[in-house]
Amino acid sequence: MTGEITSDDRIRVLDPEVLAQAGTLALKARIVADSVLHGLHRSPRHGSSVEFAEHKEYSPGDNVRHLDWRAFARSDREYIKRFEDESHLRALALIDTSGSMGYRGDPDLKRPSKLDFSAICGGALAYVLARQGDAIGLGTFGDQLDVRVPPRARRGHVQEILHALELLEAKGTTQLAKALDALAETMSRRMILALFTDLLDAGQGALEAIARLGARRHDVVLFHVMDPDELDFPFEESMLFTSMEDTREIQVDARAVKKAYLEEVKKFLEKAEAAARGARVEYHLLRSDQDPSAALTAFVAARASMRSVAR
């Protein structure tokens, strides 16, 4: 599809190669956000939720429906459960900016790099969550954590996030475990963490660090972003492959190693998904040449279902 993208096109133009030519990051993110919101309108998940916060001793006039009978049985004293309203969520989009995220494959195809693709997704989430009144922030990591925009829900906050996303560059190495452990120390309350990374050379203990965040009751979602070249290995000739994160190089006969490579990639993806599922971390494999809106819609709809828990 070619030509100018209009507001009427936003729901149906979701080919990342088209998005790559759509102009600013803000427009690309808005196109995806419109599709996500369109999908949410068709979702049965909706409502508002609450989360238990603390006990208080019963006083005349308190709602007796909130009496904690288990606490009464233990202490012979009457306690009321207090709840924290969760109708507004707090979320952080955390994007891998290491060198490998800069890979974009054949430049003639004009598809986005993994980092560009992740930035579009992060911007789309900012639009969607802000529209719902939720607090959304932006963090990045390579060899260290950088919380560029803390989670807030205020006028103009989305533009601050989009500006930060426009400035992202893919460079350096990955130390995911170090970044997530540093992040955990700053997260004093429960938060949704949307993590965009290729997990390539992520450093020792990366998957375990993701699991630790889940164990701390944070709602962690892993968006595993991969380029189609990395998944399909379309190469046929003898080629020099160069690392984008350090100085390593290797000359290989692509056709000879293709079968073994694809088997290793399959194991890599299965290990990542199994580790995530085992830690109750939601997992989505995203190809940078495909429409991201389906996975993002599932992400937002699942969070919306949290709001439907009865008080």
C-alpha atoms as a PDB file:
ATOM      1  CA  MET A   1       0.000   0.000   0.000  1.00  0.00           C
ATOM      2  CA  THR A   2       1.352   3.431  -0.872  1.00  0.00           C
ATOM      3  CA  GLY A   3       0.283   7.031  -0.631  1.00  0.00           C
ATOM      4  CA  GLU A   4      -0.510   9.473   2.124  1.00  0.00           C
ATOM      5  CA  ILE A   5      -1.764   8.049   5.404  1.00  0.00           C
ATOM      6  CA  THR A   6      -4.957   9.713   6.647  1.00  0.00           C
ATOM      7  CA  SER A   7      -6.824   9.400   9.914  1.00  0.00           C
ATOM      8  CA  ASP A   8      -9.254   6.988   8.226  1.00  0.00           C
ATOM      9  CA  ASP A   9      -6.342   4.708   7.369  1.00  0.00           C
ATOM     10  CA  ARG A  10      -4.993   4.426  10.898  1.00  0.00           C
ATOM     11  CA  ILE A  11      -6.929   1.348  11.890  1.00  0.00           C
ATOM     12  CA  ARG A  12      -6.061  -0.675   8.796  1.00  0.00           C
ATOM     13  CA  VAL A  13      -2.523   0.491   7.871  1.00  0.00           C
ATOM     14  CA  LEU A  14      -0.382  -1.543  10.253  1.00  0.00           C
ATOM     15  CA  ASP A  15       2.328  -3.038   8.060  1.00  0.00           C
ATOM     16  CA  PRO A  16       5.616  -2.051   9.786  1.00  0.00           C
ATOM     17  CA  GLU A  17       7.173  -1.348   6.370  1.00  0.00           C
ATOM     18  CA  VAL A  18       4.389   1.172   5.765  1.00  0.00           C
ATOM     19  CA  LEU A  19       4.757   2.544   9.284  1.00  0.00           C
ATOM     20  CA  ALA A  20       8.465   3.073   8.642  1.00  0.00           C
ATOM     21  CA  GLN A  21       7.491   5.620   5.977  1.00  0.00           C
ATOM     22  CA  ALA A  22       4.638   7.212   7.923  1.00  0.00           C
ATOM     23  CA  GLY A  23       6.557  10.262   9.134  1.00  0.00           C
ATOM     24  CA  THR A  24       7.259  11.025  12.763  1.00  0.00           C
ATOM     25  CA  LEU A  25       7.426   8.516  15.583  1.00  0.00           C
ATOM     26  CA  ALA A  26       4.388  10.241  17.099  1.00  0.00           C
ATOM     27  CA  LEU A  27       2.291   9.482  14.006  1.00  0.00           C
ATOM     28  CA  LYS A  28       3.513   5.886  13.817  1.00  0.00           C
ATOM     29  CA  ALA A  29       2.716   5.330  17.486  1.00  0.00           C
ATOM     30  CA  ARG A  30      -0.688   6.963  17.082  1.00  0.00           C
ATOM     31  CA  ILE A  31      -1.546   4.678  14.139  1.00  0.00           C
ATOM     32  CA  VAL A  32      -0.809   1.609  16.260  1.00  0.00           C
ATOM     33  CA  ALA A  33      -2.582   3.092  19.299  1.00  0.00           C
ATOM     34  CA  ASP A  34      -5.729   3.701  17.243  1.00  0.00           C
ATOM     35  CA  SER A  35      -5.733   0.057  16.200  1.00  0.00           C
ATOM     36  CA  VAL A  36      -5.243  -1.081  19.805  1.00  0.00           C
ATOM     37  CA  LEU A  37      -8.108   1.114  21.009  1.00  0.00           C
ATOM     38  CA  HIS A  38     -10.275  -0.201  18.183  1.00  0.00           C
ATOM     39  CA  GLY A  39      -9.505  -3.735  19.358  1.00  0.00           C
ATOM     40  CA  LEU A  40     -10.305  -2.843  22.967  1.00  0.00           C
ATOM     41  CA  HIS A  41     -13.718  -1.543  21.975  1.00  0.00           C
ATOM     42  CA  ARG A  42     -14.513  -5.059  20.827  1.00  0.00           C
ATOM     43  CA  SER A  43     -13.120  -6.684  23.986  1.00  0.00           C
ATOM     44  CA  PRO A  44     -15.497  -7.863  26.747  1.00  0.00           C
ATOM     45  CA  ARG A  45     -12.915  -7.001  29.419  1.00  0.00           C
ATOM     46  CA  HIS A  46     -13.684  -3.808  31.254  1.00  0.00           C
ATOM     47  CA  GLY A  47     -14.452  -2.403  34.708  1.00  0.00           C
ATOM     48  CA  SER A  48     -12.545  -1.095  37.719  1.00  0.00           C
ATOM     49  CA  SER A  49     -10.586  -2.919  40.387  1.00  0.00           C
ATOM     50  CA  VAL A  50      -9.172  -2.602  43.832  1.00  0.00           C
ATOM     51  CA  GLU A  51      -6.227  -4.128  45.680  1.00  0.00           C
ATOM     52  CA  PHE A  52      -6.003  -4.943  49.390  1.00  0.00           C
ATOM     53  CA  ALA A  53      -3.893  -2.333  51.163  1.00  0.00           C
ATOM     54  CA  GLU A  54      -4.096  -2.759  54.955  1.00  0.00           C
ATOM     55  CA  HIS A  55      -6.225  -3.571  58.027  1.00  0.00           C
ATOM     56  CA  LYS A  56      -7.819  -1.100  60.447  1.00  0.00           C
ATOM     57  CA  GLU A  57      -9.762  -1.766  63.618  1.00  0.00           C
ATOM     58  CA  TYR A  58     -13.524  -1.725  63.148  1.00  0.00           C
ATOM     59  CA  SER A  59     -15.330   1.491  64.076  1.00  0.00           C
ATOM     60  CA  PRO A  60     -19.095   2.128  64.122  1.00  0.00           C
ATOM     61  CA  GLY A  61     -20.176   3.134  60.631  1.00  0.00           C
ATOM     62  CA  ASP A  62     -17.583   1.004  58.792  1.00  0.00           C
ATOM     63  CA  ASN A  63     -18.907  -1.280  56.071  1.00  0.00           C
ATOM     64  CA  VAL A  64     -19.346  -4.701  57.741  1.00  0.00           C
ATOM     65  CA  ARG A  65     -18.938  -6.401  54.348  1.00  0.00           C
ATOM     66  CA  HIS A  66     -15.236  -5.620  54.641  1.00  0.00           C
ATOM     67  CA  LEU A  67     -14.780  -7.344  58.011  1.00  0.00           C
ATOM     68  CA  ASP A  68     -11.861  -9.784  57.911  1.00  0.00           C
ATOM     69  CA  TRP A  69     -13.254 -12.873  59.639  1.00  0.00           C
ATOM     70  CA  ARG A  70      -9.956 -14.733  59.439  1.00  0.00           C
ATOM     71  CA  ALA A  71      -8.216 -11.943  61.327  1.00  0.00           C
ATOM     72  CA  PHE A  72     -11.072 -11.991  63.877  1.00  0.00           C
ATOM     73  CA  ALA A  73     -10.628 -15.744  64.384  1.00  0.00           C
ATOM     74  CA  ARG A  74      -6.897 -15.298  65.013  1.00  0.00           C
ATOM     75  CA  SER A  75      -7.037 -12.267  67.316  1.00  0.00           C
ATOM     76  CA  ASP A  76     -10.644 -12.059  68.579  1.00  0.00           C
ATOM     77  CA  ARG A  77     -10.615  -8.430  67.400  1.00  0.00           C
ATOM     78  CA  GLU A  78     -12.618  -6.931  64.567  1.00  0.00           C
ATOM     79  CA  TYR A  79     -10.637  -5.619  61.591  1.00  0.00           C
ATOM     80  CA  ILE A  80     -11.760  -3.943  58.409  1.00  0.00           C
ATOM     81  CA  LYS A  81      -9.961  -4.516  55.120  1.00  0.00           C
ATOM     82  CA  ARG A  82      -8.907  -1.304  53.420  1.00  0.00           C
ATOM     83  CA  PHE A  83      -8.453  -1.321  49.667  1.00  0.00           C
ATOM     84  CA  GLU A  84      -6.368   0.746  47.292  1.00  0.00           C
ATOM     85  CA  ASP A  85      -8.229   1.789  44.157  1.00  0.00           C
ATOM     86  CA  GLU A  86      -6.582   0.356  41.061  1.00  0.00           C
ATOM     87  CA  SER A  87      -8.825   2.034  38.520  1.00  0.00           C
ATOM     88  CA  HIS A  88      -5.658   3.817  37.393  1.00  0.00           C
ATOM     89  CA  LEU A  89      -2.564   1.731  36.707  1.00  0.00           C
ATOM     90  CA  ARG A  90       1.133   2.573  36.917  1.00  0.00           C
ATOM     91  CA  ALA A  91       3.271   1.247  34.084  1.00  0.00           C
ATOM     92  CA  LEU A  92       6.808   1.538  32.767  1.00  0.00           C
ATOM     93  CA  ALA A  93       7.870   0.718  29.215  1.00  0.00           C
ATOM     94  CA  LEU A  94      11.457  -0.527  29.474  1.00  0.00           C
ATOM     95  CA  ILE A  95      13.308  -0.688  26.144  1.00  0.00           C
ATOM     96  CA  ASP A  96      16.591  -2.424  25.317  1.00  0.00           C
ATOM     97  CA  THR A  97      18.905   0.070  23.572  1.00  0.00           C
ATOM     98  CA  SER A  98      21.935  -2.200  23.181  1.00  0.00           C
ATOM     99  CA  GLY A  99      23.709  -2.464  19.830  1.00  0.00           C
ATOM    100  CA  SER A 100      21.889  -5.576  18.621  1.00  0.00           C
ATOM    101  CA  MET A 101      18.570  -3.720  18.751  1.00  0.00           C
ATOM    102  CA  GLY A 102      19.793  -1.568  15.854  1.00  0.00           C
ATOM    103  CA  TYR A 103      19.607  -4.451  13.366  1.00  0.00           C
ATOM    104  CA  ARG A 104      17.082  -3.887  10.561  1.00  0.00           C
ATOM    105  CA  GLY A 105      17.993  -6.414   7.836  1.00  0.00           C
ATOM    106  CA  ASP A 106      17.965  -5.575   4.141  1.00  0.00           C
ATOM    107  CA  PRO A 107      17.730  -1.747   3.875  1.00  0.00           C
ATOM    108  CA  ASP A 108      15.809  -2.071   0.591  1.00  0.00           C
ATOM    109  CA  LEU A 109      12.874  -3.534   2.514  1.00  0.00           C
ATOM    110  CA  LYS A 110      12.589  -0.339   4.590  1.00  0.00           C
ATOM    111  CA  ARG A 111      11.391  -2.155   7.670  1.00  0.00           C
ATOM    112  CA  PRO A 112      12.158  -0.714  11.110  1.00  0.00           C
ATOM    113  CA  SER A 113      15.058  -1.766  13.281  1.00  0.00           C
ATOM    114  CA  LYS A 114      14.161  -3.677  16.419  1.00  0.00           C
ATOM    115  CA  LEU A 115      14.724  -0.502  18.427  1.00  0.00           C
ATOM    116  CA  ASP A 116      12.526   1.588  16.106  1.00  0.00           C
ATOM    117  CA  PHE A 117       9.837  -1.091  16.295  1.00  0.00           C
ATOM    118  CA  SER A 118      10.052  -1.147  20.115  1.00  0.00           C
ATOM    119  CA  ALA A 119       9.867   2.650  20.237  1.00  0.00           C
ATOM    120  CA  ILE A 120       6.673   2.596  18.154  1.00  0.00           C
ATOM    121  CA  CYS A 121       5.193   0.032  20.546  1.00  0.00           C
ATOM    122  CA  GLY A 122       6.255   2.058  23.586  1.00  0.00           C
ATOM    123  CA  GLY A 123       4.762   5.218  22.117  1.00  0.00           C
ATOM    124  CA  ALA A 124       1.517   3.425  21.281  1.00  0.00           C
ATOM    125  CA  LEU A 125       1.233   2.145  24.856  1.00  0.00           C
ATOM    126  CA  ALA A 126       1.827   5.685  26.140  1.00  0.00           C
ATOM    127  CA  TYR A 127      -1.061   6.958  24.021  1.00  0.00           C
ATOM    128  CA  VAL A 128      -3.421   4.153  25.068  1.00  0.00           C
ATOM    129  CA  LEU A 129      -2.667   4.150  28.797  1.00  0.00           C
ATOM    130  CA  ALA A 130      -2.685   7.944  29.042  1.00  0.00           C
ATOM    131  CA  ARG A 131      -6.097   8.023  27.370  1.00  0.00           C
ATOM    132  CA  GLN A 132      -7.319   5.649  30.089  1.00  0.00           C
ATOM    133  CA  GLY A 133      -5.951   7.953  32.789  1.00  0.00           C
ATOM    134  CA  ASP A 134      -3.112   5.592  33.718  1.00  0.00           C
ATOM    135  CA  ALA A 135       0.418   6.633  34.658  1.00  0.00           C
ATOM    136  CA  ILE A 136       3.031   5.560  32.094  1.00  0.00           C
ATOM    137  CA  GLY A 137       6.776   6.115  32.096  1.00  0.00           C
ATOM    138  CA  LEU A 138       9.812   5.199  30.003  1.00  0.00           C
ATOM    139  CA  GLY A 139      13.042   3.476  30.928  1.00  0.00           C
ATOM    140  CA  THR A 140      15.906   2.160  28.808  1.00  0.00           C
ATOM    141  CA  PHE A 141      18.826  -0.143  29.391  1.00  0.00           C
ATOM    142  CA  GLY A 142      22.004  -1.298  27.740  1.00  0.00           C
ATOM    143  CA  ASP A 143      24.835  -1.789  30.186  1.00  0.00           C
ATOM    144  CA  GLN A 144      22.902   0.211  32.803  1.00  0.00           C
ATOM    145  CA  LEU A 145      19.402   1.403  33.663  1.00  0.00           C
ATOM    146  CA  ASP A 146      18.129   4.862  32.710  1.00  0.00           C
ATOM    147  CA  VAL A 147      14.607   5.848  33.794  1.00  0.00           C
ATOM    148  CA  ARG A 148      14.183   8.673  31.295  1.00  0.00           C
ATOM    149  CA  VAL A 149      10.580   9.596  32.097  1.00  0.00           C
ATOM    150  CA  PRO A 150       9.064   8.526  35.466  1.00  0.00           C
ATOM    151  CA  PRO A 151       5.459   7.252  35.379  1.00  0.00           C
ATOM    152  CA  ARG A 152       2.975  10.108  35.588  1.00  0.00           C
ATOM    153  CA  ALA A 153      -0.571  10.833  34.490  1.00  0.00           C
ATOM    154  CA  ARG A 154      -0.698  14.483  33.515  1.00  0.00           C
ATOM    155  CA  ARG A 155      -1.289  16.704  30.525  1.00  0.00           C
ATOM    156  CA  GLY A 156       1.584  16.680  28.032  1.00  0.00           C
ATOM    157  CA  HIS A 157       3.230  13.599  29.551  1.00  0.00           C
ATOM    158  CA  VAL A 158       2.836  11.502  26.388  1.00  0.00           C
ATOM    159  CA  GLN A 159       4.723  14.123  24.373  1.00  0.00           C
ATOM    160  CA  GLU A 160       7.577  13.933  26.871  1.00  0.00           C
ATOM    161  CA  ILE A 161       7.755  10.171  26.371  1.00  0.00           C
ATOM    162  CA  LEU A 162       7.582  10.476  22.565  1.00  0.00           C
ATOM    163  CA  HIS A 163      10.392  13.043  22.580  1.00  0.00           C
ATOM    164  CA  ALA A 164      12.565  10.680  24.639  1.00  0.00           C
ATOM    165  CA  LEU A 165      11.745   7.801  22.270  1.00  0.00           C
ATOM    166  CA  GLU A 166      12.812   9.895  19.258  1.00  0.00           C
ATOM    167  CA  LEU A 167      16.291  10.269  20.781  1.00  0.00           C
ATOM    168  CA  LEU A 168      16.991   6.575  21.399  1.00  0.00           C
ATOM    169  CA  GLU A 169      20.110   5.054  19.835  1.00  0.00           C
ATOM    170  CA  ALA A 170      21.172   1.414  19.676  1.00  0.00           C
ATOM    171  CA  LYS A 171      24.698   1.041  21.015  1.00  0.00           C
ATOM    172  CA  GLY A 172      26.789  -0.813  23.546  1.00  0.00           C
ATOM    173  CA  THR A 173      26.335  -4.080  25.391  1.00  0.00           C
ATOM    174  CA  THR A 174      23.434  -5.573  27.346  1.00  0.00           C
ATOM    175  CA  GLN A 175      23.309  -6.135  31.098  1.00  0.00           C
ATOM    176  CA  LEU A 176      19.649  -6.931  31.604  1.00  0.00           C
ATOM    177  CA  ALA A 177      19.937  -8.504  35.060  1.00  0.00           C
ATOM    178  CA  LYS A 178      21.871  -5.501  36.369  1.00  0.00           C
ATOM    179  CA  ALA A 179      19.276  -3.116  34.944  1.00  0.00           C
ATOM    180  CA  LEU A 180      16.261  -4.995  36.320  1.00  0.00           C
ATOM    181  CA  ASP A 181      17.787  -5.435  39.773  1.00  0.00           C
ATOM    182  CA  ALA A 182      18.521  -1.695  39.866  1.00  0.00           C
ATOM    183  CA  LEU A 183      14.944  -1.001  38.792  1.00  0.00           C
ATOM    184  CA  ALA A 184      13.520  -3.289  41.486  1.00  0.00           C
ATOM    185  CA  GLU A 185      15.227  -1.199  44.172  1.00  0.00           C
ATOM    186  CA  THR A 186      13.324   1.907  43.032  1.00  0.00           C
ATOM    187  CA  MET A 187       9.869   0.307  42.690  1.00  0.00           C
ATOM    188  CA  SER A 188       8.200   0.829  46.046  1.00  0.00           C
ATOM    189  CA  ARG A 189       4.700  -0.040  44.838  1.00  0.00           C
ATOM    190  CA  ARG A 190       3.245  -2.558  42.443  1.00  0.00           C
ATOM    191  CA  MET A 191       3.823  -1.650  38.808  1.00  0.00           C
ATOM    192  CA  ILE A 192       3.245  -2.986  35.310  1.00  0.00           C
ATOM    193  CA  LEU A 193       6.535  -3.431  33.461  1.00  0.00           C
ATOM    194  CA  ALA A 194       6.430  -3.809  29.665  1.00  0.00           C
ATOM    195  CA  LEU A 195       9.890  -5.032  28.673  1.00  0.00           C
ATOM    196  CA  PHE A 196      11.002  -4.802  25.017  1.00  0.00           C
ATOM    197  CA  THR A 197      14.228  -6.696  24.271  1.00  0.00           C
ATOM    198  CA  ASP A 198      15.761  -9.204  21.873  1.00  0.00           C
ATOM    199  CA  LEU A 199      17.464 -11.027  24.794  1.00  0.00           C
ATOM    200  CA  LEU A 200      20.584 -11.395  22.621  1.00  0.00           C
ATOM    201  CA  ASP A 201      23.792 -11.343  24.680  1.00  0.00           C
ATOM    202  CA  ALA A 202      21.594 -10.178  27.561  1.00  0.00           C
ATOM    203  CA  GLY A 203      24.173 -11.162  30.152  1.00  0.00           C
ATOM    204  CA  GLN A 204      24.209 -13.849  32.812  1.00  0.00           C
ATOM    205  CA  GLY A 205      21.053 -14.212  34.868  1.00  0.00           C
ATOM    206  CA  ALA A 206      18.819 -12.153  32.559  1.00  0.00           C
ATOM    207  CA  LEU A 207      15.838 -14.506  32.626  1.00  0.00           C
ATOM    208  CA  GLU A 208      16.242 -15.031  36.370  1.00  0.00           C
ATOM    209  CA  ALA A 209      16.124 -11.254  36.910  1.00  0.00           C
ATOM    210  CA  ILE A 210      12.853 -11.067  34.982  1.00  0.00           C
ATOM    211  CA  ALA A 211      11.492 -13.832  37.214  1.00  0.00           C
ATOM    212  CA  ARG A 212      12.572 -11.969  40.360  1.00  0.00           C
ATOM    213  CA  LEU A 213      10.493  -8.951  39.359  1.00  0.00           C
ATOM    214  CA  GLY A 214       7.486 -11.205  38.902  1.00  0.00           C
ATOM    215  CA  ALA A 215       8.122 -12.769  42.300  1.00  0.00           C
ATOM    216  CA  ARG A 216       7.900  -9.292  43.846  1.00  0.00           C
ATOM    217  CA  ARG A 217       4.279  -9.084  42.614  1.00  0.00           C
ATOM    218  CA  HIS A 218       5.076  -6.705  39.770  1.00  0.00           C
ATOM    219  CA  ASP A 219       3.088  -7.375  36.607  1.00  0.00           C
ATOM    220  CA  VAL A 220       5.857  -8.129  34.102  1.00  0.00           C
ATOM    221  CA  VAL A 221       5.250  -8.576  30.365  1.00  0.00           C
ATOM    222  CA  LEU A 222       8.113  -9.651  28.114  1.00  0.00           C
ATOM    223  CA  PHE A 223       7.894  -8.493  24.500  1.00  0.00           C
ATOM    224  CA  HIS A 224      10.607 -10.526  22.787  1.00  0.00           C
ATOM    225  CA  VAL A 225      11.461  -8.450  19.703  1.00  0.00           C
ATOM    226  CA  MET A 226      13.259 -10.216  16.855  1.00  0.00           C
ATOM    227  CA  ASP A 227      14.095  -9.333  13.252  1.00  0.00           C
ATOM    228  CA  PRO A 228      12.815 -11.821  10.646  1.00  0.00           C
ATOM    229  CA  ASP A 229      16.418 -12.403   9.495  1.00  0.00           C
ATOM    230  CA  GLU A 230      17.229 -13.697  12.982  1.00  0.00           C
ATOM    231  CA  LEU A 231      14.215 -15.996  12.973  1.00  0.00           C
ATOM    232  CA  ASP A 232      14.249 -17.240   9.353  1.00  0.00           C
ATOM    233  CA  PHE A 233      17.963 -16.968   8.414  1.00  0.00           C
ATOM    234  CA  PRO A 234      17.359 -16.222   4.708  1.00  0.00           C
ATOM    235  CA  PHE A 235      21.081 -16.166   3.828  1.00  0.00           C
ATOM    236  CA  GLU A 236      22.532 -18.576   1.260  1.00  0.00           C
ATOM    237  CA  GLU A 237      26.158 -17.531   0.637  1.00  0.00           C
ATOM    238  CA  SER A 238      29.415 -17.438   2.536  1.00  0.00           C
ATOM    239  CA  MET A 239      29.130 -14.329   4.690  1.00  0.00           C
ATOM    240  CA  LEU A 240      30.965 -12.380   7.359  1.00  0.00           C
ATOM    241  CA  PHE A 241      28.746 -11.869  10.409  1.00  0.00           C
ATOM    242  CA  THR A 242      29.771  -9.033  12.746  1.00  0.00           C
ATOM    243  CA  SER A 243      28.551  -8.533  16.305  1.00  0.00           C
ATOM    244  CA  MET A 244      26.755  -5.237  16.893  1.00  0.00           C
ATOM    245  CA  GLU A 245      27.721  -5.161  20.571  1.00  0.00           C
ATOM    246  CA  ASP A 246      31.449  -5.932  20.480  1.00  0.00           C
ATOM    247  CA  THR A 247      34.281  -6.709  18.029  1.00  0.00           C
ATOM    248  CA  ARG A 248      33.490 -10.369  17.316  1.00  0.00           C
ATOM    249  CA  GLU A 249      33.330 -11.517  13.688  1.00  0.00           C
ATOM    250  CA  ILE A 250      32.805 -14.899  12.077  1.00  0.00           C
ATOM    251  CA  GLN A 251      32.923 -16.066   8.440  1.00  0.00           C
ATOM    252  CA  VAL A 252      30.396 -18.813   7.740  1.00  0.00           C
ATOM    253  CA  ASP A 253      28.848 -20.731   4.876  1.00  0.00           C
ATOM    254  CA  ALA A 254      25.256 -19.652   5.521  1.00  0.00           C
ATOM    255  CA  ARG A 255      23.681 -22.546   3.648  1.00  0.00           C
ATOM    256  CA  ALA A 256      25.762 -25.110   5.564  1.00  0.00           C
ATOM    257  CA  VAL A 257      24.885 -23.769   9.015  1.00  0.00           C
ATOM    258  CA  LYS A 258      21.251 -22.810   8.379  1.00  0.00           C
ATOM    259  CA  LYS A 259      19.666 -25.978   9.783  1.00  0.00           C
ATOM    260  CA  ALA A 260      21.768 -25.943  12.942  1.00  0.00           C
ATOM    261  CA  TYR A 261      21.183 -22.212  13.380  1.00  0.00           C
ATOM    262  CA  LEU A 262      17.400 -22.541  13.131  1.00  0.00           C
ATOM    263  CA  GLU A 263      17.454 -25.392  15.663  1.00  0.00           C
ATOM    264  CA  GLU A 264      19.408 -23.209  18.099  1.00  0.00           C
ATOM    265  CA  VAL A 265      17.023 -20.286  17.585  1.00  0.00           C
ATOM    266  CA  LYS A 266      14.075 -22.561  18.293  1.00  0.00           C
ATOM    267  CA  LYS A 267      15.710 -23.700  21.553  1.00  0.00           C
ATOM    268  CA  PHE A 268      16.507 -20.080  22.454  1.00  0.00           C
ATOM    269  CA  LEU A 269      12.896 -18.979  21.970  1.00  0.00           C
ATOM    270  CA  GLU A 270      11.484 -21.995  23.791  1.00  0.00           C
ATOM    271  CA  LYS A 271      13.821 -21.394  26.745  1.00  0.00           C
ATOM    272  CA  ALA A 272      12.847 -17.725  26.949  1.00  0.00           C
ATOM    273  CA  GLU A 273       9.127 -18.468  26.793  1.00  0.00           C
ATOM    274  CA  ALA A 274       9.346 -21.351  29.286  1.00  0.00           C
ATOM    275  CA  ALA A 275      11.306 -19.216  31.755  1.00  0.00           C
ATOM    276  CA  ALA A 276       8.762 -16.415  31.428  1.00  0.00           C
ATOM    277  CA  ARG A 277       5.746 -18.698  31.820  1.00  0.00           C
ATOM    278  CA  GLY A 278       7.381 -20.447  34.779  1.00  0.00           C
ATOM    279  CA  ALA A 279       7.761 -17.083  36.499  1.00  0.00           C
ATOM    280  CA  ARG A 280       4.170 -16.068  35.606  1.00  0.00           C
ATOM    281  CA  VAL A 281       5.535 -13.453  33.237  1.00  0.00           C
ATOM    282  CA  GLU A 282       3.382 -12.799  30.165  1.00  0.00           C
ATOM    283  CA  TYR A 283       5.378 -13.534  26.978  1.00  0.00           C
ATOM    284  CA  HIS A 284       4.905 -12.229  23.433  1.00  0.00           C
ATOM    285  CA  LEU A 285       7.243 -12.919  20.511  1.00  0.00           C
ATOM    286  CA  LEU A 286       7.177  -9.877  18.203  1.00  0.00           C
ATOM    287  CA  ARG A 287       8.615  -9.899  14.687  1.00  0.00           C
ATOM    288  CA  SER A 288       9.714  -6.456  13.562  1.00  0.00           C
ATOM    289  CA  ASP A 289       8.110  -7.053  10.144  1.00  0.00           C
ATOM    290  CA  GLN A 290       4.642  -7.722  11.551  1.00  0.00           C
ATOM    291  CA  ASP A 291       1.751  -5.738  13.001  1.00  0.00           C
ATOM    292  CA  PRO A 292       2.351  -5.165  16.744  1.00  0.00           C
ATOM    293  CA  SER A 293      -1.215  -4.155  17.541  1.00  0.00           C
ATOM    294  CA  ALA A 294      -2.529  -7.665  18.277  1.00  0.00           C
ATOM    295  CA  ALA A 295      -0.013  -8.280  21.075  1.00  0.00           C
ATOM    296  CA  LEU A 296      -0.433  -4.761  22.449  1.00  0.00           C
ATOM    297  CA  THR A 297      -4.225  -5.147  22.425  1.00  0.00           C
ATOM    298  CA  ALA A 298      -3.890  -8.414  24.366  1.00  0.00           C
ATOM    299  CA  PHE A 299      -1.571  -6.654  26.828  1.00  0.00           C
ATOM    300  CA  VAL A 300      -3.930  -3.727  27.453  1.00  0.00           C
ATOM    301  CA  ALA A 301      -7.039  -5.920  27.557  1.00  0.00           C
ATOM    302  CA  ALA A 302      -5.432  -8.194  30.157  1.00  0.00           C
ATOM    303  CA  ARG A 303      -4.604  -5.166  32.292  1.00  0.00           C
ATOM    304  CA  ALA A 304      -8.180  -3.944  31.879  1.00  0.00           C
ATOM    305  CA  SER A 305      -9.399  -7.249  33.262  1.00  0.00           C
ATOM    306  CA  MET A 306      -7.518  -6.454  36.479  1.00  0.00           C
ATOM    307  CA  ARG A 307      -9.976  -3.602  36.928  1.00  0.00           C
ATOM    308  CA  SER A 308     -12.955  -5.983  37.055  1.00  0.00           C
ATOM    309  CA  VAL A 309     -12.050  -7.628  40.375  1.00  0.00           C
ATOM    310  CA  ALA A 310     -14.889  -7.187  42.836  1.00  0.00           C
ATOM    311  CA  ARG A 311     -14.333  -4.881  45.833  1.00  0.00           C
END
